[in-house]
Amino acid sequence: MRTGLPRLACVHRLVLLALAGPAFAAACGGPGGRRGEMHDGQEWPTRNPAVALVHGTVTGPGGRPVAGAGVEVAALFTDAPGDTRIGDCAGSPGPVERTRTDAAGAFRVTLSAGAGPQRNACLAIRVEAPAGSGLAARSVSGRAAVFRATAGPQEPVRIDVALAP
């Protein structure tokens, strides 16, 4: 049973966690506490992040995979006011992730919008060809994605990008 201290006091309790043990964290629903447990007659929500999975393949002329290409995936939230534009996307700035393609030209990123409800977004991808490849960089935008807070499998968004000389 909680002591009736305001929720802000939980922050102070968590600071003392290293000194006082896991009992403080359990009382605050922090580490050691169970997600969804009852406190003062209210169930605290789980904190699964709202995520979108994006994957694809970068190819060159003749459909050959491009290994080592730099890939940047940016999300603009279309369900919130904002005046940021990237290509065909407009909205409020969201997460950005960077990666490189593997030997098969494949890439995969997980964009996280933090804990919260479902979010709608427009995706913009910029691909930089590896140095010395003779291929030009390319941007692709306008693909819709839905960020969902779930602990289960997510349906990924596939975006393939073809580079030209």
N, C-alpha and C. Protein backbone atom coordinates (compact mmCIF):
# COMPACT_ATOMS: atom_id res chain seq x y z
N MET A 1 0.84 -1.18 0.00
CA MET A 1 0.00 0.00 0.00
C MET A 1 0.88 1.24 0.00
N ARG A 2 0.53 2.23 -0.81
CA ARG A 2 1.32 3.46 -0.90
C ARG A 2 1.12 4.30 0.33
N THR A 3 2.07 5.14 0.59
CA THR A 3 2.05 5.95 1.80
C THR A 3 1.23 7.21 1.68
N GLY A 4 0.71 7.51 0.50
CA GLY A 4 -0.08 8.72 0.32
C GLY A 4 0.76 9.91 -0.09
N LEU A 5 2.08 9.74 -0.24
CA LEU A 5 2.92 10.82 -0.71
C LEU A 5 2.55 11.15 -2.15
N PRO A 6 2.69 12.38 -2.56
CA PRO A 6 2.41 12.72 -3.95
C PRO A 6 3.31 11.94 -4.89
N ARG A 7 2.86 11.77 -6.13
CA ARG A 7 3.61 10.97 -7.10
C ARG A 7 5.01 11.53 -7.32
N LEU A 8 5.18 12.85 -7.22
CA LEU A 8 6.50 13.43 -7.40
C LEU A 8 7.50 12.90 -6.39
N ALA A 9 7.01 12.50 -5.24
CA ALA A 9 7.90 11.94 -4.24
C ALA A 9 8.53 10.64 -4.72
N CYS A 10 7.91 9.99 -5.69
CA CYS A 10 8.47 8.75 -6.22
C CYS A 10 9.82 9.00 -6.85
N VAL A 11 10.02 10.16 -7.46
CA VAL A 11 11.31 10.48 -8.05
C VAL A 11 12.37 10.47 -6.97
N HIS A 12 12.07 11.10 -5.86
CA HIS A 12 13.03 11.12 -4.76
C HIS A 12 13.27 9.71 -4.22
N ARG A 13 12.22 8.92 -4.16
CA ARG A 13 12.38 7.55 -3.69
C ARG A 13 13.29 6.75 -4.62
N LEU A 14 13.09 6.96 -5.92
CA LEU A 14 13.91 6.20 -6.88
C LEU A 14 15.38 6.59 -6.77
N VAL A 15 15.66 7.85 -6.44
CA VAL A 15 17.04 8.26 -6.24
C VAL A 15 17.65 7.49 -5.09
N LEU A 16 16.84 7.21 -4.09
CA LEU A 16 17.33 6.48 -2.93
C LEU A 16 17.37 4.97 -3.16
N LEU A 17 16.94 4.54 -4.31
CA LEU A 17 16.86 3.12 -4.61
C LEU A 17 18.18 2.39 -4.37
N ALA A 18 19.26 2.97 -4.80
CA ALA A 18 20.55 2.30 -4.65
C ALA A 18 20.91 2.11 -3.18
N LEU A 19 20.43 3.01 -2.33
CA LEU A 19 20.75 2.93 -0.91
C LEU A 19 19.74 2.11 -0.12
N ALA A 20 18.48 2.19 -0.51
CA ALA A 20 17.42 1.60 0.32
C ALA A 20 16.87 0.30 -0.21
N GLY A 21 17.20 -0.10 -1.43
CA GLY A 21 16.72 -1.37 -1.93
C GLY A 21 15.50 -1.25 -2.82
N PRO A 22 15.03 -2.37 -3.35
CA PRO A 22 13.95 -2.37 -4.33
C PRO A 22 12.57 -2.04 -3.77
N ALA A 23 12.40 -1.95 -2.48
CA ALA A 23 11.08 -1.67 -1.92
C ALA A 23 10.54 -0.32 -2.37
N PHE A 24 11.42 0.68 -2.48
CA PHE A 24 10.97 1.99 -2.93
C PHE A 24 10.49 1.94 -4.36
N ALA A 25 11.21 1.25 -5.21
CA ALA A 25 10.83 1.18 -6.62
C ALA A 25 9.49 0.47 -6.78
N ALA A 26 9.27 -0.58 -6.04
CA ALA A 26 8.00 -1.30 -6.13
C ALA A 26 6.86 -0.40 -5.70
N ALA A 27 7.08 0.42 -4.68
CA ALA A 27 6.03 1.33 -4.20
C ALA A 27 5.70 2.38 -5.24
N CYS A 28 6.65 2.73 -6.10
CA CYS A 28 6.43 3.75 -7.12
C CYS A 28 6.05 3.14 -8.47
N GLY A 29 6.01 1.86 -8.58
CA GLY A 29 5.69 1.22 -9.85
C GLY A 29 6.85 1.28 -10.82
N GLY A 30 8.06 1.52 -10.31
CA GLY A 30 9.25 1.60 -11.15
C GLY A 30 9.88 0.24 -11.27
N PRO A 31 11.20 0.19 -11.45
CA PRO A 31 11.88 -1.10 -11.58
C PRO A 31 11.55 -1.99 -10.39
N GLY A 32 11.19 -3.17 -10.67
CA GLY A 32 10.80 -4.09 -9.60
C GLY A 32 9.29 -4.14 -9.44
N GLY A 33 8.60 -3.07 -9.86
CA GLY A 33 7.14 -3.06 -9.83
C GLY A 33 6.60 -3.78 -11.05
N ARG A 34 5.36 -4.15 -11.04
CA ARG A 34 4.76 -4.84 -12.18
C ARG A 34 3.98 -3.85 -13.02
N ARG A 35 4.14 -3.97 -14.31
CA ARG A 35 3.36 -3.13 -15.21
C ARG A 35 1.89 -3.47 -15.07
N GLY A 36 1.08 -2.43 -15.11
CA GLY A 36 -0.36 -2.63 -15.05
C GLY A 36 -0.87 -2.93 -13.65
N GLU A 37 -0.01 -2.80 -12.62
CA GLU A 37 -0.49 -3.11 -11.27
C GLU A 37 -1.32 -1.97 -10.73
N MET A 38 -2.08 -2.25 -9.70
CA MET A 38 -3.00 -1.27 -9.11
C MET A 38 -2.29 -0.43 -8.05
N HIS A 39 -2.51 0.88 -8.08
CA HIS A 39 -2.01 1.81 -7.08
C HIS A 39 -3.13 2.79 -6.76
N ASP A 40 -3.48 2.92 -5.52
CA ASP A 40 -4.54 3.83 -5.10
C ASP A 40 -5.81 3.64 -5.93
N GLY A 41 -6.13 2.40 -6.24
CA GLY A 41 -7.35 2.10 -6.98
C GLY A 41 -7.26 2.37 -8.46
N GLN A 42 -6.09 2.76 -8.97
CA GLN A 42 -5.93 3.02 -10.40
C GLN A 42 -4.88 2.08 -10.96
N GLU A 43 -5.13 1.59 -12.18
CA GLU A 43 -4.13 0.76 -12.84
C GLU A 43 -3.20 1.67 -13.61
N TRP A 44 -1.92 1.54 -13.36
CA TRP A 44 -0.94 2.33 -14.09
C TRP A 44 -0.74 1.68 -15.45
N PRO A 45 -0.70 2.48 -16.51
CA PRO A 45 -0.59 1.91 -17.86
C PRO A 45 0.80 1.32 -18.10
N THR A 46 0.82 0.38 -19.03
CA THR A 46 2.11 -0.14 -19.47
C THR A 46 2.79 0.94 -20.29
N ARG A 47 4.07 0.82 -20.44
CA ARG A 47 4.82 1.86 -21.14
C ARG A 47 5.52 1.31 -22.37
N ASN A 48 4.80 0.60 -23.20
CA ASN A 48 5.37 0.13 -24.46
C ASN A 48 5.52 1.32 -25.39
N PRO A 49 6.66 1.46 -26.04
CA PRO A 49 6.84 2.59 -26.95
C PRO A 49 6.03 2.41 -28.23
N ALA A 50 5.61 3.53 -28.80
CA ALA A 50 4.95 3.50 -30.11
C ALA A 50 6.06 3.47 -31.15
N VAL A 51 6.12 2.40 -31.93
CA VAL A 51 7.20 2.22 -32.89
C VAL A 51 6.68 1.95 -34.29
N ALA A 52 7.55 2.22 -35.26
CA ALA A 52 7.31 1.86 -36.65
C ALA A 52 8.58 1.17 -37.15
N LEU A 53 8.41 0.04 -37.80
CA LEU A 53 9.53 -0.69 -38.37
C LEU A 53 9.60 -0.39 -39.86
N VAL A 54 10.79 -0.03 -40.33
CA VAL A 54 10.98 0.30 -41.74
C VAL A 54 12.14 -0.54 -42.26
N HIS A 55 11.93 -1.18 -43.39
CA HIS A 55 13.00 -1.98 -43.98
C HIS A 55 12.91 -1.90 -45.49
N GLY A 56 13.97 -2.32 -46.16
CA GLY A 56 13.96 -2.30 -47.60
C GLY A 56 15.31 -2.72 -48.14
N THR A 57 15.46 -2.54 -49.44
CA THR A 57 16.69 -2.90 -50.14
C THR A 57 17.11 -1.74 -51.02
N VAL A 58 18.41 -1.48 -51.04
CA VAL A 58 18.97 -0.46 -51.92
C VAL A 58 19.68 -1.20 -53.05
N THR A 59 19.28 -0.86 -54.27
CA THR A 59 19.87 -1.51 -55.45
C THR A 59 20.46 -0.46 -56.38
N GLY A 60 21.33 -0.94 -57.26
CA GLY A 60 21.93 -0.10 -58.29
C GLY A 60 21.47 -0.56 -59.66
N PRO A 61 22.19 -0.17 -60.70
CA PRO A 61 21.83 -0.59 -62.06
C PRO A 61 21.75 -2.11 -62.17
N GLY A 62 20.76 -2.57 -62.89
CA GLY A 62 20.57 -4.00 -63.09
C GLY A 62 20.04 -4.71 -61.85
N GLY A 63 19.60 -3.96 -60.86
CA GLY A 63 19.05 -4.57 -59.65
C GLY A 63 20.09 -5.12 -58.70
N ARG A 64 21.37 -4.78 -58.92
CA ARG A 64 22.44 -5.26 -58.03
C ARG A 64 22.32 -4.60 -56.66
N PRO A 65 22.50 -5.37 -55.59
CA PRO A 65 22.44 -4.77 -54.25
C PRO A 65 23.60 -3.81 -54.03
N VAL A 66 23.34 -2.74 -53.28
CA VAL A 66 24.37 -1.76 -52.95
C VAL A 66 24.72 -1.93 -51.47
N ALA A 67 25.88 -2.50 -51.22
CA ALA A 67 26.34 -2.72 -49.84
C ALA A 67 27.01 -1.45 -49.31
N GLY A 68 26.82 -1.15 -48.03
CA GLY A 68 27.49 -0.03 -47.39
C GLY A 68 26.89 1.33 -47.66
N ALA A 69 25.70 1.39 -48.25
CA ALA A 69 25.05 2.68 -48.49
C ALA A 69 24.53 3.23 -47.16
N GLY A 70 24.66 4.54 -46.98
CA GLY A 70 24.12 5.18 -45.78
C GLY A 70 22.64 5.46 -45.97
N VAL A 71 21.83 5.06 -45.01
CA VAL A 71 20.38 5.23 -45.09
C VAL A 71 19.91 6.04 -43.89
N GLU A 72 19.16 7.11 -44.15
CA GLU A 72 18.57 7.92 -43.08
C GLU A 72 17.06 7.90 -43.27
N VAL A 73 16.34 7.48 -42.23
CA VAL A 73 14.88 7.42 -42.27
C VAL A 73 14.35 8.43 -41.27
N ALA A 74 13.53 9.37 -41.74
CA ALA A 74 12.94 10.40 -40.88
C ALA A 74 11.43 10.29 -40.93
N ALA A 75 10.78 10.53 -39.80
CA ALA A 75 9.32 10.53 -39.73
C ALA A 75 8.83 11.93 -39.40
N LEU A 76 7.79 12.35 -40.08
CA LEU A 76 7.09 13.59 -39.75
C LEU A 76 5.68 13.19 -39.34
N PHE A 77 5.28 13.57 -38.13
CA PHE A 77 3.96 13.19 -37.63
C PHE A 77 2.90 14.04 -38.31
N THR A 78 1.96 13.37 -38.96
CA THR A 78 0.90 14.06 -39.69
C THR A 78 -0.33 14.28 -38.82
N ASP A 79 -0.33 13.74 -37.60
CA ASP A 79 -1.47 13.91 -36.70
C ASP A 79 -1.21 15.00 -35.66
N ALA A 80 -0.18 15.82 -35.88
CA ALA A 80 0.14 16.93 -34.97
C ALA A 80 0.49 18.14 -35.82
N PRO A 81 0.17 19.34 -35.34
CA PRO A 81 0.49 20.52 -36.14
C PRO A 81 2.00 20.69 -36.28
N GLY A 82 2.39 21.15 -37.44
CA GLY A 82 3.80 21.39 -37.70
C GLY A 82 3.99 21.88 -39.11
N ASP A 83 5.06 22.62 -39.32
CA ASP A 83 5.30 23.18 -40.65
C ASP A 83 6.61 22.70 -41.26
N THR A 84 7.12 21.58 -40.77
CA THR A 84 8.34 21.00 -41.33
C THR A 84 8.00 20.24 -42.60
N ARG A 85 8.83 20.43 -43.64
CA ARG A 85 8.63 19.70 -44.91
C ARG A 85 9.91 18.96 -45.26
N ILE A 86 9.75 17.72 -45.68
CA ILE A 86 10.84 16.93 -46.26
C ILE A 86 10.25 16.24 -47.49
N GLY A 87 10.64 16.68 -48.66
CA GLY A 87 10.08 16.11 -49.89
C GLY A 87 8.58 16.24 -49.92
N ASP A 88 7.88 15.11 -50.07
CA ASP A 88 6.42 15.11 -50.12
C ASP A 88 5.77 15.04 -48.74
N CYS A 89 6.56 15.04 -47.67
CA CYS A 89 6.03 14.92 -46.31
C CYS A 89 5.95 16.29 -45.64
N ALA A 90 4.91 16.47 -44.84
CA ALA A 90 4.76 17.68 -44.04
C ALA A 90 4.16 17.29 -42.70
N GLY A 91 4.60 17.93 -41.63
CA GLY A 91 4.07 17.65 -40.29
C GLY A 91 5.04 18.11 -39.23
N SER A 92 4.87 17.57 -38.05
CA SER A 92 5.77 17.91 -36.95
C SER A 92 6.91 16.90 -36.91
N PRO A 93 8.13 17.36 -36.59
CA PRO A 93 9.30 16.46 -36.61
C PRO A 93 9.13 15.27 -35.68
N GLY A 94 9.53 14.13 -36.18
CA GLY A 94 9.50 12.89 -35.40
C GLY A 94 10.90 12.30 -35.33
N PRO A 95 10.99 11.02 -35.04
CA PRO A 95 12.31 10.40 -34.90
C PRO A 95 13.05 10.25 -36.22
N VAL A 96 14.37 10.19 -36.12
CA VAL A 96 15.25 9.97 -37.26
C VAL A 96 16.22 8.85 -36.88
N GLU A 97 16.40 7.88 -37.75
CA GLU A 97 17.36 6.80 -37.51
C GLU A 97 18.26 6.66 -38.72
N ARG A 98 19.51 6.29 -38.46
CA ARG A 98 20.50 6.09 -39.53
C ARG A 98 21.07 4.68 -39.43
N THR A 99 21.36 4.13 -40.60
CA THR A 99 21.98 2.80 -40.65
C THR A 99 22.74 2.68 -41.97
N ARG A 100 23.34 1.52 -42.20
CA ARG A 100 24.02 1.20 -43.45
C ARG A 100 23.44 -0.10 -43.99
N THR A 101 23.47 -0.24 -45.30
CA THR A 101 22.98 -1.47 -45.90
C THR A 101 24.01 -2.58 -45.70
N ASP A 102 23.50 -3.82 -45.64
CA ASP A 102 24.39 -4.98 -45.49
C ASP A 102 24.85 -5.43 -46.88
N ALA A 103 25.51 -6.57 -46.94
CA ALA A 103 26.05 -7.09 -48.21
C ALA A 103 24.96 -7.34 -49.25
N ALA A 104 23.75 -7.61 -48.81
CA ALA A 104 22.63 -7.85 -49.73
C ALA A 104 21.88 -6.57 -50.07
N GLY A 105 22.38 -5.41 -49.60
CA GLY A 105 21.73 -4.13 -49.86
C GLY A 105 20.54 -3.86 -48.95
N ALA A 106 20.33 -4.70 -47.94
CA ALA A 106 19.16 -4.57 -47.07
C ALA A 106 19.44 -3.63 -45.89
N PHE A 107 18.39 -2.95 -45.45
CA PHE A 107 18.46 -2.13 -44.25
C PHE A 107 17.19 -2.34 -43.43
N ARG A 108 17.29 -2.02 -42.14
CA ARG A 108 16.15 -2.14 -41.23
C ARG A 108 16.37 -1.18 -40.08
N VAL A 109 15.35 -0.36 -39.78
CA VAL A 109 15.41 0.55 -38.63
C VAL A 109 14.10 0.46 -37.86
N THR A 110 14.20 0.76 -36.58
CA THR A 110 13.02 0.88 -35.73
C THR A 110 12.95 2.32 -35.26
N LEU A 111 11.89 3.01 -35.66
CA LEU A 111 11.67 4.38 -35.23
C LEU A 111 10.78 4.35 -34.00
N SER A 112 11.14 5.08 -32.96
CA SER A 112 10.37 5.09 -31.73
C SER A 112 9.85 6.49 -31.44
N ALA A 113 8.55 6.57 -31.15
CA ALA A 113 7.93 7.85 -30.80
C ALA A 113 7.78 7.97 -29.29
N GLY A 114 8.40 7.06 -28.53
CA GLY A 114 8.26 7.07 -27.07
C GLY A 114 6.94 6.46 -26.65
N ALA A 115 6.73 6.41 -25.33
CA ALA A 115 5.49 5.84 -24.81
C ALA A 115 4.33 6.74 -25.20
N GLY A 116 3.28 6.14 -25.64
CA GLY A 116 2.13 6.95 -26.01
C GLY A 116 1.20 6.22 -26.94
N PRO A 117 0.24 6.95 -27.43
CA PRO A 117 -0.79 6.35 -28.29
C PRO A 117 -0.26 6.12 -29.70
N GLN A 118 -1.12 5.61 -30.53
CA GLN A 118 -0.80 5.42 -31.94
C GLN A 118 -0.53 6.78 -32.58
N ARG A 119 0.45 6.83 -33.48
CA ARG A 119 0.78 8.07 -34.20
C ARG A 119 0.81 7.78 -35.69
N ASN A 120 0.35 8.74 -36.49
CA ASN A 120 0.41 8.63 -37.94
C ASN A 120 1.55 9.49 -38.44
N ALA A 121 2.30 8.97 -39.41
CA ALA A 121 3.48 9.69 -39.89
C ALA A 121 3.67 9.50 -41.38
N CYS A 122 4.46 10.40 -41.94
CA CYS A 122 4.92 10.31 -43.32
C CYS A 122 6.43 10.06 -43.24
N LEU A 123 6.94 9.14 -44.04
CA LEU A 123 8.35 8.78 -43.99
C LEU A 123 9.12 9.40 -45.14
N ALA A 124 10.33 9.86 -44.82
CA ALA A 124 11.25 10.37 -45.83
C ALA A 124 12.56 9.61 -45.66
N ILE A 125 13.10 9.10 -46.77
CA ILE A 125 14.33 8.31 -46.73
C ILE A 125 15.36 8.97 -47.64
N ARG A 126 16.56 9.08 -47.12
CA ARG A 126 17.69 9.59 -47.92
C ARG A 126 18.75 8.50 -47.94
N VAL A 127 19.21 8.15 -49.14
CA VAL A 127 20.23 7.12 -49.30
C VAL A 127 21.47 7.76 -49.93
N GLU A 128 22.60 7.60 -49.27
CA GLU A 128 23.90 8.06 -49.77
C GLU A 128 24.67 6.85 -50.26
N ALA A 129 25.07 6.89 -51.52
CA ALA A 129 25.83 5.77 -52.11
C ALA A 129 27.21 5.70 -51.47
N PRO A 130 27.78 4.50 -51.39
CA PRO A 130 29.14 4.37 -50.85
C PRO A 130 30.14 5.14 -51.71
N ALA A 131 31.18 5.67 -51.07
CA ALA A 131 32.22 6.40 -51.80
C ALA A 131 32.82 5.51 -52.88
N GLY A 132 33.03 6.10 -54.03
CA GLY A 132 33.66 5.38 -55.13
C GLY A 132 32.74 4.48 -55.93
N SER A 133 31.45 4.44 -55.58
CA SER A 133 30.52 3.55 -56.29
C SER A 133 30.06 4.12 -57.62
N GLY A 134 30.19 5.45 -57.79
CA GLY A 134 29.72 6.08 -59.01
C GLY A 134 28.21 6.27 -59.04
N LEU A 135 27.54 5.98 -57.94
CA LEU A 135 26.08 6.12 -57.87
C LEU A 135 25.71 7.43 -57.18
N ALA A 136 24.59 8.00 -57.59
CA ALA A 136 24.12 9.26 -57.00
C ALA A 136 23.22 8.99 -55.80
N ALA A 137 23.22 9.91 -54.85
CA ALA A 137 22.32 9.83 -53.70
C ALA A 137 20.88 9.99 -54.19
N ARG A 138 19.95 9.50 -53.37
CA ARG A 138 18.54 9.59 -53.75
C ARG A 138 17.68 9.74 -52.51
N SER A 139 16.62 10.53 -52.63
CA SER A 139 15.64 10.70 -51.57
C SER A 139 14.29 10.19 -52.04
N VAL A 140 13.58 9.55 -51.14
CA VAL A 140 12.23 9.03 -51.41
C VAL A 140 11.37 9.47 -50.23
N SER A 141 10.17 10.00 -50.51
CA SER A 141 9.31 10.43 -49.42
C SER A 141 7.85 10.23 -49.78
N GLY A 142 7.00 10.36 -48.77
CA GLY A 142 5.56 10.28 -48.99
C GLY A 142 4.92 8.98 -48.54
N ARG A 143 5.68 8.03 -48.07
CA ARG A 143 5.12 6.75 -47.63
C ARG A 143 4.54 6.88 -46.23
N ALA A 144 3.33 6.43 -46.03
CA ALA A 144 2.67 6.52 -44.72
C ALA A 144 3.13 5.39 -43.80
N ALA A 145 3.19 5.70 -42.51
CA ALA A 145 3.51 4.70 -41.50
C ALA A 145 2.67 4.98 -40.27
N VAL A 146 2.36 3.92 -39.53
CA VAL A 146 1.62 4.06 -38.28
C VAL A 146 2.51 3.56 -37.16
N PHE A 147 2.73 4.43 -36.18
CA PHE A 147 3.49 4.05 -34.98
C PHE A 147 2.48 3.45 -34.01
N ARG A 148 2.73 2.24 -33.55
CA ARG A 148 1.82 1.57 -32.62
C ARG A 148 2.57 1.15 -31.37
N ALA A 149 1.90 1.28 -30.23
CA ALA A 149 2.46 0.82 -28.96
C ALA A 149 1.99 -0.61 -28.76
N THR A 150 2.89 -1.55 -28.97
CA THR A 150 2.54 -2.95 -28.83
C THR A 150 3.75 -3.76 -28.41
N ALA A 151 3.51 -4.78 -27.66
CA ALA A 151 4.59 -5.68 -27.26
C ALA A 151 4.73 -6.81 -28.27
N GLY A 152 3.75 -6.94 -29.15
CA GLY A 152 3.75 -8.03 -30.11
C GLY A 152 4.42 -7.65 -31.42
N PRO A 153 4.34 -8.54 -32.41
CA PRO A 153 4.96 -8.27 -33.70
C PRO A 153 4.32 -7.07 -34.39
N GLN A 154 5.14 -6.31 -35.08
CA GLN A 154 4.69 -5.14 -35.84
C GLN A 154 4.73 -5.48 -37.32
N GLU A 155 3.82 -4.91 -38.07
CA GLU A 155 3.85 -5.03 -39.52
C GLU A 155 4.81 -3.97 -40.05
N PRO A 156 5.92 -4.36 -40.66
CA PRO A 156 6.90 -3.36 -41.12
C PRO A 156 6.45 -2.66 -42.40
N VAL A 157 7.02 -1.49 -42.64
CA VAL A 157 6.82 -0.74 -43.87
C VAL A 157 8.03 -1.01 -44.75
N ARG A 158 7.80 -1.47 -45.96
CA ARG A 158 8.92 -1.77 -46.88
C ARG A 158 9.06 -0.64 -47.87
N ILE A 159 10.29 -0.15 -47.99
CA ILE A 159 10.61 0.89 -48.97
C ILE A 159 11.92 0.51 -49.64
N ASP A 160 11.84 0.21 -50.93
CA ASP A 160 13.03 -0.13 -51.70
C ASP A 160 13.48 1.12 -52.47
N VAL A 161 14.78 1.28 -52.59
CA VAL A 161 15.34 2.47 -53.25
C VAL A 161 16.33 2.01 -54.30
N ALA A 162 16.14 2.50 -55.52
CA ALA A 162 17.06 2.19 -56.62
C ALA A 162 17.93 3.41 -56.90
N LEU A 163 19.25 3.22 -56.87
CA LEU A 163 20.19 4.30 -57.16
C LEU A 163 20.64 4.20 -58.61
N ALA A 164 20.92 5.36 -59.20
CA ALA A 164 21.39 5.41 -60.58
C ALA A 164 22.73 6.15 -60.60
N PRO A 165 23.52 5.93 -61.67
CA PRO A 165 24.81 6.65 -61.79
C PRO A 165 24.60 8.16 -61.93
